[in-house]
Amino acid sequence: MYRGNAVGVVVPAYNEARFVGGVVDTLPAFVDRAYVVDDRSTDGTWEMIQRHAARANERAAEPVVAAADGGTSLDGRVVPIRHPVNRGRGAAVKTGYERALADGMDIVVVMDGDGQMDPDIMPAIIDPVVDGDADYTVGDRLAARDTRRGMPPWRLFGNLLLSGLTRIASGYWHIRDPQNGYTAISADALSELDFDRLYDQYGFLNDLLVHLNVAEKRVATVPMHARYGDEESGIRYSTFVPGLSFLLLRDFLWRLRVRYLDGGVHPVAVLYALGVMSVLAGVLRLVGGVVSKSKDRPGRQSLTGLLVGFGSLGGAMVLDSRENERLRVEAEPSTSFERGPSNGAQPSSRVDGADESDESDERSEKEFDRVSDGREIVGGGS
């Protein structure tokens, strides 16, 4: 319990055998239950989850009980869940969310299984929700210049690009780091979401923000330091950025319709429509004049159209930002953020508490079939 609230933690994991055990071992003591979801990894992730979950549950002195379907389920502090097929990070988070709601958790935190998220700052992530100031919080690795130093340059560039697109699509103009998976959400806000409509892949975080805005939920950002080691990102930006851009365009149009058209025509929708049409008209005039080599000098008309278009788009964004100002929450940073990044903050390739026998077991695990040994719990994501 944390300040009278039951706290659940969802840990999505895919091919994180080197790190996921350390994440389970270092969960804060106030966490009531953790849902570690293996998205059908191809390495030893599932075996590592089971092993560390069993240890955690032994320490918590919770029994293992038989499930009604003849399988087994852990009633302990750590619940291992495995998808029967690989479905994506978003699907893994949704599976954990559903289990947390079913178990009556008041606040649900998400921590990735790659060891990048500092468990010591979890209170700072949770506090805005506990205090009633926000419905959802997201960590912000870009809050200060020194927090960006631990982020690889290509990742930083992709983050900044997607941040801008997500701001426009979601209406949360204060969000700097939408790709950050360290989040917390209240059970009340979570229960209002339609899980079937949420994206199953890496764009889940961006898609979720749009859905939260349509539901008019308050979102807080919590400054934190970037923490990278020798883990490898599962994101391929060459396909991820175009795919997510299309998703955000679709989400943006849906949000405009629900927020600014369903109850009558709003100036935000009018300005966005005028801006897009004016820009397109200006570009078409300019291209048409160049191709036809017209002597009518279409340059001035094209420039006027572009200026009107960009001015309208800018006005729409400003007005949209003001409309969503009441949903903006800036949370206090944790004490560790104020102290600065720790030299030992990088995740280790060897999980906490592992000894030589553990490493030997892990090598052995990689030699046998990864199919469930009968203790597998199939998560029921949407």
Protein backbone atom coordinates (compact mmCIF):
# COMPACT_ATOMS: atom_id res chain seq x y z
CA MET A 1 0.00 0.00 0.00
CA TYR A 2 1.13 3.54 -0.70
CA ARG A 3 -0.61 6.23 1.36
CA GLY A 4 -3.73 4.09 1.59
CA ASN A 5 -3.74 3.09 -2.11
CA ALA A 6 -3.22 -0.40 -3.50
CA VAL A 7 -0.42 -0.18 -6.08
CA GLY A 8 -0.04 -2.56 -9.00
CA VAL A 9 2.95 -2.56 -11.33
CA VAL A 10 2.80 -3.85 -14.91
CA VAL A 11 6.15 -5.02 -16.32
CA PRO A 12 5.95 -5.74 -20.08
CA ALA A 13 8.92 -7.76 -21.28
CA TYR A 14 10.13 -9.10 -24.60
CA ASN A 15 13.57 -10.73 -24.85
CA GLU A 16 14.75 -9.14 -21.60
CA ALA A 17 16.26 -12.21 -19.91
CA ARG A 18 19.30 -10.21 -18.75
CA PHE A 19 17.30 -7.48 -17.05
CA VAL A 20 13.78 -8.53 -16.09
CA GLY A 21 14.89 -10.45 -12.99
CA GLY A 22 16.53 -7.34 -11.62
CA VAL A 23 13.34 -5.35 -12.21
CA VAL A 24 11.33 -7.91 -10.22
CA ASP A 25 13.90 -8.03 -7.42
CA THR A 26 14.04 -4.26 -6.94
CA LEU A 27 10.33 -3.46 -6.82
CA PRO A 28 9.63 -1.04 -3.94
CA ALA A 29 8.21 -2.60 -0.77
CA PHE A 30 4.94 -0.64 -1.06
CA VAL A 31 4.00 -2.38 -4.34
CA ASP A 32 1.08 -4.70 -3.62
CA ARG A 33 1.22 -6.76 -6.79
CA ALA A 34 3.31 -6.88 -9.95
CA TYR A 35 2.13 -8.31 -13.26
CA VAL A 36 5.15 -9.36 -15.31
CA VAL A 37 3.94 -9.98 -18.86
CA ASP A 38 6.16 -11.93 -21.23
CA ASP A 39 5.08 -11.14 -24.79
CA ARG A 40 6.19 -14.58 -25.99
CA SER A 41 9.92 -13.91 -25.87
CA THR A 42 12.34 -16.08 -27.83
CA ASP A 43 15.12 -16.05 -25.22
CA GLY A 44 15.04 -17.06 -21.55
CA THR A 45 12.80 -14.20 -20.40
CA TRP A 46 9.89 -16.42 -19.35
CA GLU A 47 12.11 -18.71 -17.29
CA MET A 48 13.74 -15.73 -15.58
CA ILE A 49 10.34 -14.22 -14.80
CA GLN A 50 9.14 -17.48 -13.25
CA ARG A 51 12.27 -17.92 -11.18
CA HIS A 52 12.34 -14.42 -9.74
CA ALA A 53 8.58 -14.37 -9.24
CA ALA A 54 8.82 -17.60 -7.24
CA ARG A 55 11.54 -16.10 -5.05
CA ALA A 56 9.54 -12.92 -4.51
CA ASN A 57 6.44 -14.87 -3.61
CA GLU A 58 8.35 -17.09 -1.22
CA ARG A 59 9.61 -13.98 0.55
CA ALA A 60 6.06 -12.65 0.70
CA ALA A 61 4.90 -16.06 2.08
CA GLU A 62 1.98 -16.22 -0.35
CA PRO A 63 0.62 -19.61 -1.49
CA VAL A 64 0.31 -20.96 -5.00
CA VAL A 65 -3.27 -22.02 -5.70
CA ALA A 66 -4.80 -24.13 -8.45
CA ALA A 67 -6.75 -22.34 -11.13
CA ALA A 68 -10.24 -23.43 -12.18
CA ASP A 69 -9.08 -24.33 -15.70
CA GLY A 70 -6.60 -26.88 -14.40
CA GLY A 71 -3.57 -24.59 -14.76
CA THR A 72 -1.96 -22.71 -11.93
CA SER A 73 -1.94 -19.08 -10.94
CA LEU A 74 0.11 -17.21 -8.43
CA ASP A 75 -1.77 -15.41 -5.72
CA GLY A 76 1.47 -13.93 -4.54
CA ARG A 77 2.99 -10.52 -4.92
CA VAL A 78 4.39 -11.19 -8.40
CA VAL A 79 2.11 -12.65 -11.08
CA PRO A 80 3.86 -14.10 -14.16
CA ILE A 81 1.78 -13.89 -17.34
CA ARG A 82 2.74 -15.12 -20.79
CA HIS A 83 1.07 -14.37 -24.09
CA PRO A 84 0.54 -17.46 -26.27
CA VAL A 85 1.83 -15.45 -29.27
CA ASN A 86 3.79 -12.23 -29.62
CA ARG A 87 1.29 -9.37 -29.72
CA GLY A 88 3.26 -6.17 -29.07
CA ARG A 89 4.23 -3.97 -26.14
CA GLY A 90 0.87 -2.24 -26.02
CA ALA A 91 -0.94 -5.56 -25.82
CA ALA A 92 1.33 -6.65 -22.95
CA VAL A 93 0.53 -3.47 -21.02
CA LYS A 94 -3.19 -3.91 -21.65
CA THR A 95 -3.03 -7.47 -20.32
CA GLY A 96 -1.41 -6.17 -17.14
CA TYR A 97 -3.91 -3.31 -16.87
CA GLU A 98 -6.84 -5.71 -17.08
CA ARG A 99 -5.43 -7.98 -14.39
CA ALA A 100 -4.70 -5.02 -12.12
CA LEU A 101 -8.25 -3.72 -12.47
CA ALA A 102 -9.65 -7.18 -11.78
CA ASP A 103 -7.52 -7.37 -8.61
CA GLY A 104 -8.79 -4.02 -7.34
CA MET A 105 -5.59 -1.99 -7.62
CA ASP A 106 -6.11 1.75 -7.04
CA ILE A 107 -3.06 2.92 -9.01
CA VAL A 108 -1.28 1.05 -11.79
CA VAL A 109 2.34 1.81 -12.68
CA VAL A 110 4.13 0.62 -15.81
CA MET A 111 7.84 -0.20 -15.69
CA ASP A 112 9.55 -1.80 -18.68
CA GLY A 113 11.46 -5.03 -18.20
CA ASP A 114 14.75 -3.63 -19.53
CA GLY A 115 16.00 -2.10 -16.27
CA GLN A 116 15.95 1.49 -17.55
CA MET A 117 13.45 2.76 -14.98
CA ASP A 118 14.67 3.64 -11.51
CA PRO A 119 12.39 2.03 -8.89
CA ASP A 120 13.50 4.58 -6.29
CA ILE A 121 11.61 7.40 -8.05
CA MET A 122 8.31 5.51 -8.21
CA PRO A 123 6.83 7.63 -5.37
CA ALA A 124 7.38 10.75 -7.49
CA ILE A 125 5.62 9.04 -10.41
CA ILE A 126 2.67 8.05 -8.22
CA ASP A 127 2.25 11.16 -6.04
CA PRO A 128 0.32 13.35 -8.53
CA VAL A 129 -2.29 10.60 -8.87
CA VAL A 130 -2.42 9.89 -5.14
CA ASP A 131 -2.81 13.60 -4.38
CA GLY A 132 -5.71 13.85 -6.85
CA ASP A 133 -3.90 16.39 -9.01
CA ALA A 134 -3.66 14.12 -12.06
CA ASP A 135 -5.29 11.03 -13.55
CA TYR A 136 -2.15 9.91 -15.38
CA THR A 137 1.55 10.66 -14.98
CA VAL A 138 4.44 10.12 -17.36
CA GLY A 139 8.15 10.43 -16.68
CA ASP A 140 10.00 13.19 -18.52
CA ARG A 141 13.62 12.48 -19.45
CA LEU A 142 13.84 15.72 -21.43
CA ALA A 143 12.98 18.06 -18.57
CA ALA A 144 16.55 19.36 -18.28
CA ARG A 145 19.62 19.34 -20.47
CA ASP A 146 21.62 16.95 -18.31
CA THR A 147 18.84 14.34 -18.39
CA ARG A 148 19.37 13.98 -22.14
CA ARG A 149 23.04 13.06 -21.90
CA GLY A 150 22.31 9.43 -21.18
CA MET A 151 20.08 9.10 -24.24
CA PRO A 152 21.66 7.90 -27.51
CA PRO A 153 21.57 10.66 -30.19
CA TRP A 154 19.37 8.75 -32.64
CA ARG A 155 16.93 7.93 -29.87
CA LEU A 156 16.91 11.57 -28.77
CA PHE A 157 16.17 12.78 -32.32
CA GLY A 158 13.34 10.28 -32.75
CA ASN A 159 11.96 11.24 -29.36
CA LEU A 160 11.91 14.95 -30.18
CA LEU A 161 10.23 14.34 -33.55
CA LEU A 162 7.56 12.08 -32.10
CA SER A 163 7.08 14.44 -29.18
CA GLY A 164 6.06 17.24 -31.55
CA LEU A 165 3.68 15.01 -33.49
CA THR A 166 2.16 13.63 -30.29
CA ARG A 167 1.57 17.12 -28.88
CA ILE A 168 -0.44 18.06 -31.96
CA ALA A 169 -2.36 14.79 -32.05
CA SER A 170 -3.09 14.49 -28.33
CA GLY A 171 -3.66 18.10 -27.29
CA TYR A 172 -1.26 17.69 -24.36
CA TRP A 173 1.13 20.43 -25.38
CA HIS A 174 3.24 20.13 -22.22
CA ILE A 175 4.31 16.54 -22.95
CA ARG A 176 8.01 16.45 -23.86
CA ASP A 177 8.70 12.72 -23.62
CA PRO A 178 5.67 10.70 -24.82
CA GLN A 179 7.84 7.65 -25.57
CA ASN A 180 8.71 7.27 -21.90
CA GLY A 181 7.06 4.11 -20.62
CA TYR A 182 7.42 4.95 -16.92
CA THR A 183 3.81 5.90 -16.14
CA ALA A 184 1.09 5.71 -13.51
CA ILE A 185 -2.68 5.86 -13.90
CA SER A 186 -5.62 5.83 -11.53
CA ALA A 187 -8.00 2.88 -11.61
CA ASP A 188 -10.89 5.29 -12.24
CA ALA A 189 -9.27 6.69 -15.38
CA LEU A 190 -8.20 3.23 -16.53
CA SER A 191 -11.71 1.84 -16.18
CA GLU A 192 -13.07 4.49 -18.55
CA LEU A 193 -10.79 3.46 -21.42
CA ASP A 194 -11.88 1.14 -24.21
CA PHE A 195 -8.98 -1.32 -24.33
CA ASP A 196 -10.15 -2.75 -27.67
CA ARG A 197 -9.47 0.61 -29.32
CA LEU A 198 -5.96 1.03 -27.91
CA TYR A 199 -2.97 0.24 -30.12
CA ASP A 200 -1.12 -3.02 -29.48
CA GLN A 201 2.37 -2.05 -30.65
CA TYR A 202 5.02 0.48 -29.57
CA GLY A 203 2.75 3.41 -30.44
CA PHE A 204 0.52 2.44 -27.51
CA LEU A 205 1.83 5.28 -25.33
CA ASN A 206 1.04 7.94 -27.93
CA ASP A 207 -2.36 6.44 -28.71
CA LEU A 208 -3.20 6.28 -25.01
CA LEU A 209 -2.55 10.01 -24.60
CA VAL A 210 -5.06 10.81 -27.36
CA HIS A 211 -7.69 8.63 -25.69
CA LEU A 212 -7.02 10.28 -22.33
CA ASN A 213 -7.47 13.71 -23.89
CA VAL A 214 -10.79 12.72 -25.45
CA ALA A 215 -11.83 11.55 -21.97
CA GLU A 216 -10.55 14.93 -20.66
CA LYS A 217 -8.15 13.42 -18.12
CA ARG A 218 -5.43 15.45 -16.39
CA VAL A 219 -1.89 14.40 -17.27
CA ALA A 220 1.21 15.22 -15.23
CA THR A 221 4.86 15.09 -16.29
CA VAL A 222 7.48 14.05 -13.73
CA PRO A 223 11.12 15.04 -14.41
CA MET A 224 13.51 12.09 -14.35
CA HIS A 225 16.96 11.19 -15.63
CA ALA A 226 17.54 9.04 -18.70
CA ARG A 227 19.11 5.72 -17.79
CA TYR A 228 20.69 3.62 -20.53
CA GLY A 229 23.15 0.77 -20.41
CA ASP A 230 23.96 -2.05 -22.84
CA GLU A 231 20.35 -3.03 -23.52
CA GLU A 232 19.12 -2.89 -27.11
CA SER A 233 16.02 -1.01 -28.13
CA GLY A 234 13.29 -3.06 -29.77
CA ILE A 235 12.18 -0.06 -31.84
CA ARG A 236 13.17 0.11 -35.52
CA TYR A 237 12.76 3.80 -36.28
CA SER A 238 12.73 3.28 -40.06
CA THR A 239 9.34 1.58 -39.77
CA PHE A 240 8.24 2.89 -36.38
CA VAL A 241 8.21 6.61 -37.22
CA PRO A 242 6.16 6.34 -40.47
CA GLY A 243 3.72 3.88 -38.90
CA LEU A 244 3.27 5.95 -35.76
CA SER A 245 2.89 9.14 -37.82
CA PHE A 246 -0.07 7.59 -39.65
CA LEU A 247 -1.55 6.42 -36.33
CA LEU A 248 -1.20 9.91 -34.87
CA LEU A 249 -2.84 11.48 -37.93
CA ARG A 250 -5.80 9.15 -37.53
CA ASP A 251 -5.94 9.85 -33.79
CA PHE A 252 -5.71 13.60 -34.39
CA LEU A 253 -8.68 13.60 -36.76
CA TRP A 254 -10.68 11.48 -34.31
CA ARG A 255 -9.87 13.82 -31.42
CA LEU A 256 -10.87 16.89 -33.45
CA ARG A 257 -14.19 15.30 -34.32
CA VAL A 258 -15.03 14.22 -30.77
CA ARG A 259 -13.74 17.30 -28.94
CA TYR A 260 -14.48 20.06 -31.44
CA LEU A 261 -17.21 18.94 -33.84
CA ASP A 262 -19.64 16.56 -32.14
CA GLY A 263 -21.08 19.31 -29.93
CA GLY A 264 -21.06 21.95 -32.65
CA VAL A 265 -18.36 23.55 -34.79
CA HIS A 266 -15.50 24.87 -32.65
CA PRO A 267 -12.98 27.54 -33.78
CA VAL A 268 -10.12 25.05 -33.33
CA ALA A 269 -11.59 22.77 -36.00
CA VAL A 270 -12.32 25.72 -38.29
CA LEU A 271 -8.76 27.06 -38.04
CA TYR A 272 -7.19 23.65 -38.63
CA ALA A 273 -9.39 23.08 -41.70
CA LEU A 274 -8.67 26.57 -43.09
CA GLY A 275 -4.96 26.13 -42.46
CA VAL A 276 -4.69 22.78 -44.25
CA MET A 277 -6.75 23.94 -47.24
CA SER A 278 -4.79 27.19 -47.58
CA VAL A 279 -1.42 25.45 -47.41
CA LEU A 280 -2.47 22.84 -49.97
CA ALA A 281 -3.87 25.54 -52.28
CA GLY A 282 -0.67 27.56 -51.99
CA VAL A 283 1.51 24.56 -52.75
CA LEU A 284 -0.64 23.51 -55.72
CA ARG A 285 -0.51 27.03 -57.19
CA LEU A 286 3.24 27.14 -56.78
CA VAL A 287 3.80 23.71 -58.34
CA GLY A 288 1.30 24.42 -61.13
CA GLY A 289 3.01 27.67 -62.00
CA VAL A 290 6.43 26.04 -62.14
CA VAL A 291 5.25 23.12 -64.28
CA SER A 292 3.28 25.29 -66.73
CA LYS A 293 5.89 28.06 -66.74
CA SER A 294 3.04 30.53 -66.53
CA LYS A 295 3.75 34.20 -67.07
CA ASP A 296 1.04 35.13 -64.56
CA ARG A 297 3.61 34.99 -61.77
CA PRO A 298 1.68 32.78 -59.32
CA GLY A 299 4.35 33.28 -56.69
CA ARG A 300 2.54 36.08 -54.84
CA GLN A 301 -0.76 34.15 -54.66
CA SER A 302 1.06 31.03 -53.55
CA LEU A 303 2.93 32.92 -50.85
CA THR A 304 -0.30 34.52 -49.64
CA GLY A 305 -1.98 31.12 -49.44
CA LEU A 306 0.93 29.64 -47.54
CA LEU A 307 1.06 32.54 -45.08
CA VAL A 308 -2.69 32.31 -44.44
CA GLY A 309 -2.41 28.55 -44.06
CA PHE A 310 0.49 28.52 -41.63
CA GLY A 311 -1.02 31.40 -39.70
CA SER A 312 -4.30 29.50 -39.34
CA LEU A 313 -2.51 26.34 -38.25
CA GLY A 314 -0.52 28.29 -35.68
CA GLY A 315 -3.69 29.92 -34.38
CA ALA A 316 -5.39 26.52 -34.14
CA MET A 317 -2.52 25.12 -32.10
CA VAL A 318 -2.49 28.08 -29.72
CA LEU A 319 -6.24 27.86 -29.20
CA ASP A 320 -6.07 24.07 -28.78
CA SER A 321 -3.35 24.51 -26.16
CA ARG A 322 -5.51 26.97 -24.23
CA GLU A 323 -8.51 24.64 -24.40
CA ASN A 324 -6.41 21.88 -22.82
CA GLU A 325 -4.60 24.01 -20.24
CA ARG A 326 -6.87 22.70 -17.49
CA LEU A 327 -5.65 19.16 -18.23
CA ARG A 328 -2.01 20.13 -17.79
CA VAL A 329 -0.19 19.22 -14.56
CA GLU A 330 3.50 19.82 -13.86
CA ALA A 331 4.63 17.63 -10.98
CA GLU A 332 7.47 18.19 -8.55
CA PRO A 333 10.68 16.29 -9.42
CA SER A 334 11.98 13.58 -7.14
CA THR A 335 14.84 14.27 -4.74
CA SER A 336 17.09 12.03 -6.84
CA PHE A 337 16.39 14.21 -9.89
CA GLU A 338 17.43 17.32 -7.97
CA ARG A 339 20.65 15.62 -6.85
CA GLY A 340 21.54 14.77 -10.42
CA PRO A 341 22.13 11.45 -12.20
CA SER A 342 23.87 8.73 -10.27
CA ASN A 343 27.09 7.23 -11.62
CA GLY A 344 25.71 3.80 -10.92
CA ALA A 345 22.37 4.36 -12.55
CA GLN A 346 23.01 2.22 -15.60
CA PRO A 347 21.21 -1.12 -15.70
CA SER A 348 23.40 -4.17 -15.35
CA SER A 349 23.46 -7.09 -17.74
CA ARG A 350 23.47 -9.30 -14.66
CA VAL A 351 20.38 -9.15 -12.50
CA ASP A 352 20.61 -8.18 -8.86
CA GLY A 353 21.32 -11.05 -6.57
CA ALA A 354 22.44 -13.41 -9.34
CA ASP A 355 25.22 -15.83 -8.49
CA GLU A 356 27.25 -18.28 -10.56
CA SER A 357 24.58 -20.96 -10.29
CA ASP A 358 22.00 -18.49 -11.60
CA GLU A 359 24.17 -17.74 -14.62
CA SER A 360 24.68 -21.45 -15.22
CA ASP A 361 20.93 -22.03 -15.00
CA GLU A 362 20.31 -19.22 -17.48
CA ARG A 363 22.71 -20.78 -19.97
CA SER A 364 20.94 -24.10 -19.58
CA GLU A 365 17.53 -22.51 -19.99
CA LYS A 366 18.47 -21.16 -23.38
CA GLU A 367 19.13 -24.71 -24.62
CA PHE A 368 15.63 -26.12 -24.15
CA ASP A 369 12.28 -25.45 -25.74
CA ARG A 370 10.68 -22.17 -24.68
CA VAL A 371 7.16 -23.61 -24.63
CA SER A 372 5.33 -23.34 -21.31
CA ASP A 373 6.03 -26.00 -18.73
CA GLY A 374 2.46 -26.09 -17.44
CA ARG A 375 2.84 -23.21 -15.02
CA GLU A 376 2.26 -20.68 -17.79
CA ILE A 377 -0.61 -18.26 -17.29
CA VAL A 378 -2.13 -17.03 -20.53
CA GLY A 379 -2.99 -13.35 -20.18
CA GLY A 380 -6.32 -12.22 -21.50
CA GLY A 381 -5.47 -8.92 -23.19
CA SER A 382 -7.90 -7.26 -25.51
